[in-house]
Every structure is written in C-alpha cells, then in structure tokens.
Amino acid sequence: MTWQKTFPAYKAAYLPQEDCKSAERHSDYHNVSGIDWISSSTVLVMAEVPCSGLYGGIGCQVMGYELEVPTGRILKRIAAPELKRNWQTSMAWEFEIPDPPEYCDKSSDKIRPGCD
C-alpha cells in the first residue's frame, strides 16, 4: 500500500524540495493497524502517513482499507471520518480524525514551496 495517490508528496505544503524526494522514496505507509474482520476473507486496516516533518502537510493523514485476505487486493478505501463513524467501536484507542492535508498554494507566501 502506498499513499502517493491519495496524499501526493509533491503537492505537500511545508515540504522543501530535498525532503519531497525522500518522502516519495519512502511512500509506503509505516503505521498500519488491523481494525476488524469484515468477513472470513476481508479485513479492515487503517494506514497512516507518519506524523513527521519529513512528510510536510500530508503527515498524520489516515485512510482505511478493506483488504481481501487471500490476494491483498484493496476492495474499498475509507476516509478518516467514515472510519471513525463506522468503526470506532472496533478500535482499542480513541481515534481522532486528522486535520485535512495541506498542499502547496502558489498564491500564498506563507507556505514554503513543495516539489515541482
């Protein structure tokens, strides 16, 4: 599983060019937790972009995935609000929805340029 399609590092705010290349090279989720079985062959997992400055404005972003166990195929992607609403009771921790990702805005001078 990679997060580059959902949370592209090249668009992340607060991410200098040299860090962007590193974030793209390390595009696998590092924080993954199993949440619950959906069926005998489908499991729900939560994956998180690490909460680190290395990932700039996309750090701490979360996505849920329904995975087909025999193949590892992603059957469904689940955004953080839906994950909390429908699966909080299956989690062993209080899940907090992260702030939205921050992306570069060329019209704003307060955001350092990300990857070009």
Protein backbone atom coordinates (compact mmCIF):
# COMPACT_ATOMS: atom_id res chain seq x y z
CA MET A 1 0.00 0.00 0.00
CA THR A 2 1.30 3.42 -0.85
CA TRP A 3 -0.17 6.79 -0.02
CA GLN A 4 1.19 8.71 -3.02
CA LYS A 5 -2.05 8.50 -5.00
CA THR A 6 -4.19 9.69 -2.10
CA PHE A 7 -1.77 12.15 -0.44
CA PRO A 8 0.86 13.14 -3.06
CA ALA A 9 4.12 14.34 -1.51
CA TYR A 10 4.93 16.55 -4.48
CA LYS A 11 1.94 18.74 -3.55
CA ALA A 12 2.52 18.78 0.23
CA ALA A 13 2.93 22.14 1.93
CA TYR A 14 5.85 22.79 4.27
CA LEU A 15 7.98 20.26 2.42
CA PRO A 16 11.25 21.52 0.95
CA GLN A 17 12.30 20.10 -2.40
CA GLU A 18 15.02 17.85 -0.91
CA ASP A 19 12.56 16.35 1.59
CA CYS A 20 9.99 15.76 -1.13
CA LYS A 21 12.32 13.38 -2.95
CA SER A 22 12.89 11.44 0.28
CA ALA A 23 9.14 11.27 1.02
CA GLU A 24 8.49 9.93 -2.47
CA ARG A 25 11.15 7.23 -2.00
CA HIS A 26 9.54 6.18 1.31
CA SER A 27 5.97 6.15 0.04
CA ASP A 28 4.79 3.03 1.88
CA TYR A 29 2.65 3.55 4.93
CA HIS A 30 4.70 2.98 8.06
CA ASN A 31 1.87 2.98 10.58
CA VAL A 32 -0.67 0.25 9.83
CA SER A 33 -3.15 -1.29 12.29
CA GLY A 34 -5.69 -4.04 11.85
CA ILE A 35 -9.14 -2.89 12.95
CA ASP A 36 -11.61 -5.75 12.45
CA TRP A 37 -12.67 -8.64 10.27
CA ILE A 38 -15.44 -7.70 7.86
CA SER A 39 -15.94 -11.26 6.65
CA SER A 40 -13.97 -14.51 6.74
CA SER A 41 -11.84 -13.27 3.84
CA THR A 42 -11.91 -9.47 4.27
CA VAL A 43 -10.12 -7.43 6.91
CA LEU A 44 -10.25 -3.71 7.70
CA VAL A 45 -6.94 -1.95 8.29
CA MET A 46 -6.05 1.66 8.98
CA ALA A 47 -2.91 3.15 7.47
CA GLU A 48 -1.30 6.44 8.44
CA VAL A 49 1.27 8.66 6.78
CA PRO A 50 3.81 9.05 9.62
CA CYS A 51 3.40 12.15 11.80
CA SER A 52 6.78 13.59 10.88
CA GLY A 53 8.13 16.77 9.36
CA LEU A 54 9.56 14.55 6.63
CA TYR A 55 6.05 14.43 5.14
CA GLY A 56 5.12 18.12 5.48
CA GLY A 57 1.42 18.91 5.10
CA ILE A 58 0.46 15.27 4.49
CA GLY A 59 1.88 13.93 7.78
CA CYS A 60 -0.63 12.12 10.03
CA GLN A 61 -3.13 11.53 7.22
CA VAL A 62 -5.19 8.36 7.66
CA MET A 63 -7.03 6.07 5.29
CA GLY A 64 -8.92 2.85 5.96
CA TYR A 65 -8.80 -0.11 3.61
CA GLU A 66 -10.93 -3.19 3.23
CA LEU A 67 -8.47 -5.85 2.08
CA GLU A 68 -9.19 -9.21 0.53
CA VAL A 69 -7.06 -11.55 2.63
CA PRO A 70 -6.17 -14.22 0.07
CA THR A 71 -4.96 -11.70 -2.53
CA GLY A 72 -4.19 -8.49 -0.59
CA ARG A 73 -6.35 -6.60 -3.09
CA ILE A 74 -7.92 -3.34 -1.89
CA LEU A 75 -11.69 -3.71 -2.10
CA LYS A 76 -12.60 -0.31 -0.63
CA ARG A 77 -10.89 2.85 0.58
CA ILE A 78 -12.41 4.53 3.62
CA ALA A 79 -11.78 8.20 4.53
CA ALA A 80 -10.99 9.07 8.16
CA PRO A 81 -14.45 10.50 9.06
CA GLU A 82 -16.21 7.36 7.83
CA LEU A 83 -13.62 5.19 9.55
CA LYS A 84 -14.36 6.88 12.90
CA ARG A 85 -18.11 6.93 12.41
CA ASN A 86 -18.45 3.27 11.43
CA TRP A 87 -15.52 1.55 13.13
CA GLN A 88 -14.63 3.42 16.34
CA THR A 89 -16.21 0.67 18.46
CA SER A 90 -13.78 -1.86 16.94
CA MET A 91 -10.72 0.22 17.81
CA ALA A 92 -8.77 -0.18 21.03
CA TRP A 93 -7.98 3.55 21.10
CA GLU A 94 -9.85 6.82 20.69
CA PHE A 95 -9.39 7.57 17.01
CA GLU A 96 -9.01 11.24 16.18
CA ILE A 97 -9.70 12.46 12.69
CA PRO A 98 -6.60 14.31 11.45
CA ASP A 99 -6.77 17.86 10.17
CA PRO A 100 -7.10 17.96 6.37
CA PRO A 101 -3.86 17.66 4.42
CA GLU A 102 -2.17 20.92 3.47
CA TYR A 103 -0.98 21.34 -0.09
CA CYS A 104 1.11 24.00 -1.77
CA ASP A 105 -0.76 27.06 -2.88
CA LYS A 106 1.35 29.11 -5.26
CA SER A 107 -0.72 32.20 -4.42
CA SER A 108 0.24 32.02 -0.73
CA ASP A 109 3.59 33.30 0.50
CA LYS A 110 3.21 31.65 3.92
CA ILE A 111 3.63 28.15 2.51
CA ARG A 112 7.10 27.01 1.53
CA PRO A 113 7.22 25.58 -1.96
CA GLY A 114 6.93 21.82 -2.15
CA CYS A 115 8.05 19.65 -5.02
CA ASP A 116 7.87 20.95 -8.54
